[in-house]
Amino acid sequence: MDYQTELTGPIMVNWDEHKDKLIQKYPKLTEKDLDFKEGKMNEMLGRLQIKLGKTRKELHKLFATL
């Protein structure tokens, strides 16, 4: 499954709003952890995997609930 392609769709349209929700839910996340640049989704997901201790699949499910 290509999470980068799937996550760059609707969730990225309102990324600032979703980013705020993630920071509220996971206070240990920083703006830098959630820094998204086009074409760099895998880097951001890698940071989140490390910081939250979640798999890519778990992150995908997390994003789907935002």
N, C-alpha and C. Protein backbone atom coordinates (compact mmCIF):
# COMPACT_ATOMS: atom_id res chain seq x y z
N MET A 1 0.84 -1.18 0.00
CA MET A 1 0.00 0.00 0.00
C MET A 1 0.89 1.24 0.00
N ASP A 2 0.57 2.19 -0.84
CA ASP A 2 1.36 3.41 -0.94
C ASP A 2 0.73 4.49 -0.05
N TYR A 3 1.19 4.56 1.20
CA TYR A 3 0.61 5.50 2.14
C TYR A 3 0.88 6.94 1.73
N GLN A 4 2.00 7.18 1.09
CA GLN A 4 2.32 8.55 0.68
C GLN A 4 1.24 9.06 -0.26
N THR A 5 0.86 8.27 -1.24
CA THR A 5 -0.16 8.68 -2.19
C THR A 5 -1.50 8.87 -1.49
N GLU A 6 -1.86 7.93 -0.64
CA GLU A 6 -3.14 8.00 0.04
C GLU A 6 -3.21 9.18 1.00
N LEU A 7 -2.14 9.49 1.68
CA LEU A 7 -2.16 10.55 2.68
C LEU A 7 -2.01 11.93 2.07
N THR A 8 -1.56 12.04 0.85
CA THR A 8 -1.41 13.36 0.26
C THR A 8 -2.73 13.87 -0.30
N GLY A 9 -3.77 13.07 -0.23
CA GLY A 9 -5.09 13.47 -0.71
C GLY A 9 -5.78 14.41 0.25
N PRO A 10 -6.97 14.04 0.69
CA PRO A 10 -7.80 14.94 1.50
C PRO A 10 -7.16 15.41 2.79
N ILE A 11 -6.36 14.60 3.44
CA ILE A 11 -5.80 15.01 4.72
C ILE A 11 -4.85 16.19 4.57
N MET A 12 -4.18 16.30 3.45
CA MET A 12 -3.23 17.37 3.25
C MET A 12 -3.92 18.69 2.90
N VAL A 13 -5.16 18.63 2.44
CA VAL A 13 -5.89 19.85 2.09
C VAL A 13 -6.01 20.76 3.32
N ASN A 14 -6.33 20.18 4.45
CA ASN A 14 -6.48 20.94 5.70
C ASN A 14 -5.38 20.55 6.68
N TRP A 15 -4.15 20.49 6.22
CA TRP A 15 -3.07 19.96 7.04
C TRP A 15 -2.89 20.73 8.34
N ASP A 16 -2.99 22.05 8.32
CA ASP A 16 -2.79 22.82 9.55
C ASP A 16 -3.81 22.44 10.61
N GLU A 17 -5.05 22.23 10.20
CA GLU A 17 -6.10 21.81 11.13
C GLU A 17 -5.80 20.41 11.69
N HIS A 18 -5.42 19.50 10.82
CA HIS A 18 -5.10 18.13 11.25
C HIS A 18 -3.86 18.11 12.14
N LYS A 19 -2.91 18.96 11.82
CA LYS A 19 -1.69 19.05 12.61
C LYS A 19 -2.03 19.48 14.04
N ASP A 20 -2.91 20.46 14.17
CA ASP A 20 -3.33 20.92 15.50
C ASP A 20 -4.02 19.80 16.29
N LYS A 21 -4.84 19.01 15.61
CA LYS A 21 -5.52 17.88 16.27
C LYS A 21 -4.50 16.85 16.75
N LEU A 22 -3.50 16.58 15.93
CA LEU A 22 -2.47 15.61 16.32
C LEU A 22 -1.67 16.09 17.53
N ILE A 23 -1.35 17.38 17.55
CA ILE A 23 -0.59 17.94 18.67
C ILE A 23 -1.43 17.89 19.95
N GLN A 24 -2.73 18.12 19.83
CA GLN A 24 -3.61 18.02 21.00
C GLN A 24 -3.68 16.59 21.51
N LYS A 25 -3.77 15.64 20.59
CA LYS A 25 -3.90 14.23 20.97
C LYS A 25 -2.57 13.67 21.48
N TYR A 26 -1.47 14.13 20.90
CA TYR A 26 -0.13 13.64 21.25
C TYR A 26 0.75 14.85 21.57
N PRO A 27 0.68 15.36 22.79
CA PRO A 27 1.40 16.58 23.17
C PRO A 27 2.92 16.51 22.96
N LYS A 28 3.48 15.31 22.89
CA LYS A 28 4.93 15.23 22.69
C LYS A 28 5.34 15.55 21.24
N LEU A 29 4.37 15.64 20.34
CA LEU A 29 4.68 16.01 18.96
C LEU A 29 4.95 17.51 18.88
N THR A 30 5.85 17.86 17.99
CA THR A 30 6.18 19.27 17.78
C THR A 30 5.81 19.67 16.35
N GLU A 31 5.83 20.96 16.11
CA GLU A 31 5.59 21.46 14.75
C GLU A 31 6.61 20.85 13.78
N LYS A 32 7.84 20.70 14.24
CA LYS A 32 8.88 20.14 13.39
C LYS A 32 8.58 18.68 13.03
N ASP A 33 8.06 17.91 14.00
CA ASP A 33 7.69 16.52 13.73
C ASP A 33 6.65 16.44 12.62
N LEU A 34 5.78 17.42 12.58
CA LEU A 34 4.66 17.41 11.64
C LEU A 34 4.89 18.30 10.43
N ASP A 35 6.13 18.69 10.23
CA ASP A 35 6.47 19.52 9.09
C ASP A 35 6.31 18.71 7.81
N PHE A 36 5.37 19.14 6.98
CA PHE A 36 5.10 18.43 5.73
C PHE A 36 5.52 19.28 4.55
N LYS A 37 6.36 18.71 3.72
CA LYS A 37 6.75 19.34 2.48
C LYS A 37 6.41 18.37 1.36
N GLU A 38 5.90 18.91 0.28
CA GLU A 38 5.52 18.07 -0.84
C GLU A 38 6.69 17.19 -1.28
N GLY A 39 6.40 15.91 -1.45
CA GLY A 39 7.43 14.95 -1.85
C GLY A 39 8.24 14.41 -0.68
N LYS A 40 7.95 14.87 0.54
CA LYS A 40 8.71 14.46 1.72
C LYS A 40 7.83 13.75 2.75
N MET A 41 6.71 13.18 2.30
CA MET A 41 5.78 12.51 3.21
C MET A 41 6.45 11.37 3.96
N ASN A 42 7.29 10.60 3.28
CA ASN A 42 7.94 9.46 3.94
C ASN A 42 8.83 9.92 5.09
N GLU A 43 9.48 11.07 4.94
CA GLU A 43 10.32 11.58 6.02
C GLU A 43 9.48 11.94 7.24
N MET A 44 8.33 12.59 6.99
CA MET A 44 7.46 12.96 8.10
C MET A 44 6.90 11.70 8.77
N LEU A 45 6.47 10.74 7.98
CA LEU A 45 5.93 9.50 8.55
C LEU A 45 6.99 8.78 9.37
N GLY A 46 8.23 8.80 8.92
CA GLY A 46 9.33 8.20 9.68
C GLY A 46 9.51 8.87 11.03
N ARG A 47 9.43 10.20 11.04
CA ARG A 47 9.55 10.93 12.32
C ARG A 47 8.41 10.55 13.26
N LEU A 48 7.20 10.45 12.71
CA LEU A 48 6.05 10.11 13.54
C LEU A 48 6.13 8.67 14.05
N GLN A 49 6.61 7.77 13.21
CA GLN A 49 6.79 6.38 13.65
C GLN A 49 7.70 6.32 14.86
N ILE A 50 8.79 7.01 14.79
CA ILE A 50 9.77 7.00 15.89
C ILE A 50 9.18 7.66 17.13
N LYS A 51 8.60 8.83 16.97
CA LYS A 51 8.11 9.61 18.11
C LYS A 51 6.93 8.94 18.80
N LEU A 52 6.02 8.33 18.00
CA LEU A 52 4.81 7.73 18.56
C LEU A 52 4.92 6.23 18.76
N GLY A 53 5.94 5.61 18.19
CA GLY A 53 6.09 4.16 18.31
C GLY A 53 4.99 3.40 17.59
N LYS A 54 4.57 3.93 16.43
CA LYS A 54 3.50 3.31 15.65
C LYS A 54 4.04 2.87 14.30
N THR A 55 3.35 1.88 13.72
CA THR A 55 3.70 1.41 12.38
C THR A 55 3.07 2.35 11.35
N ARG A 56 3.48 2.21 10.12
CA ARG A 56 2.88 3.03 9.04
C ARG A 56 1.39 2.74 8.94
N LYS A 57 1.03 1.48 9.09
CA LYS A 57 -0.39 1.11 9.02
C LYS A 57 -1.17 1.79 10.14
N GLU A 58 -0.60 1.80 11.34
CA GLU A 58 -1.26 2.46 12.47
C GLU A 58 -1.38 3.97 12.23
N LEU A 59 -0.36 4.57 11.63
CA LEU A 59 -0.41 5.99 11.32
C LEU A 59 -1.49 6.27 10.28
N HIS A 60 -1.61 5.39 9.31
CA HIS A 60 -2.62 5.54 8.28
C HIS A 60 -4.02 5.53 8.92
N LYS A 61 -4.23 4.61 9.84
CA LYS A 61 -5.53 4.54 10.54
C LYS A 61 -5.75 5.80 11.38
N LEU A 62 -4.70 6.28 12.02
CA LEU A 62 -4.79 7.49 12.82
C LEU A 62 -5.20 8.68 11.94
N PHE A 63 -4.56 8.83 10.80
CA PHE A 63 -4.90 9.93 9.89
C PHE A 63 -6.33 9.80 9.38
N ALA A 64 -6.78 8.57 9.18
CA ALA A 64 -8.14 8.36 8.67
C ALA A 64 -9.20 8.81 9.68
N THR A 65 -8.83 8.86 10.97
CA THR A 65 -9.81 9.26 11.98
C THR A 65 -9.83 10.76 12.24
N LEU A 66 -8.93 11.50 11.63
CA LEU A 66 -8.89 12.96 11.87
C LEU A 66 -10.01 13.67 11.17
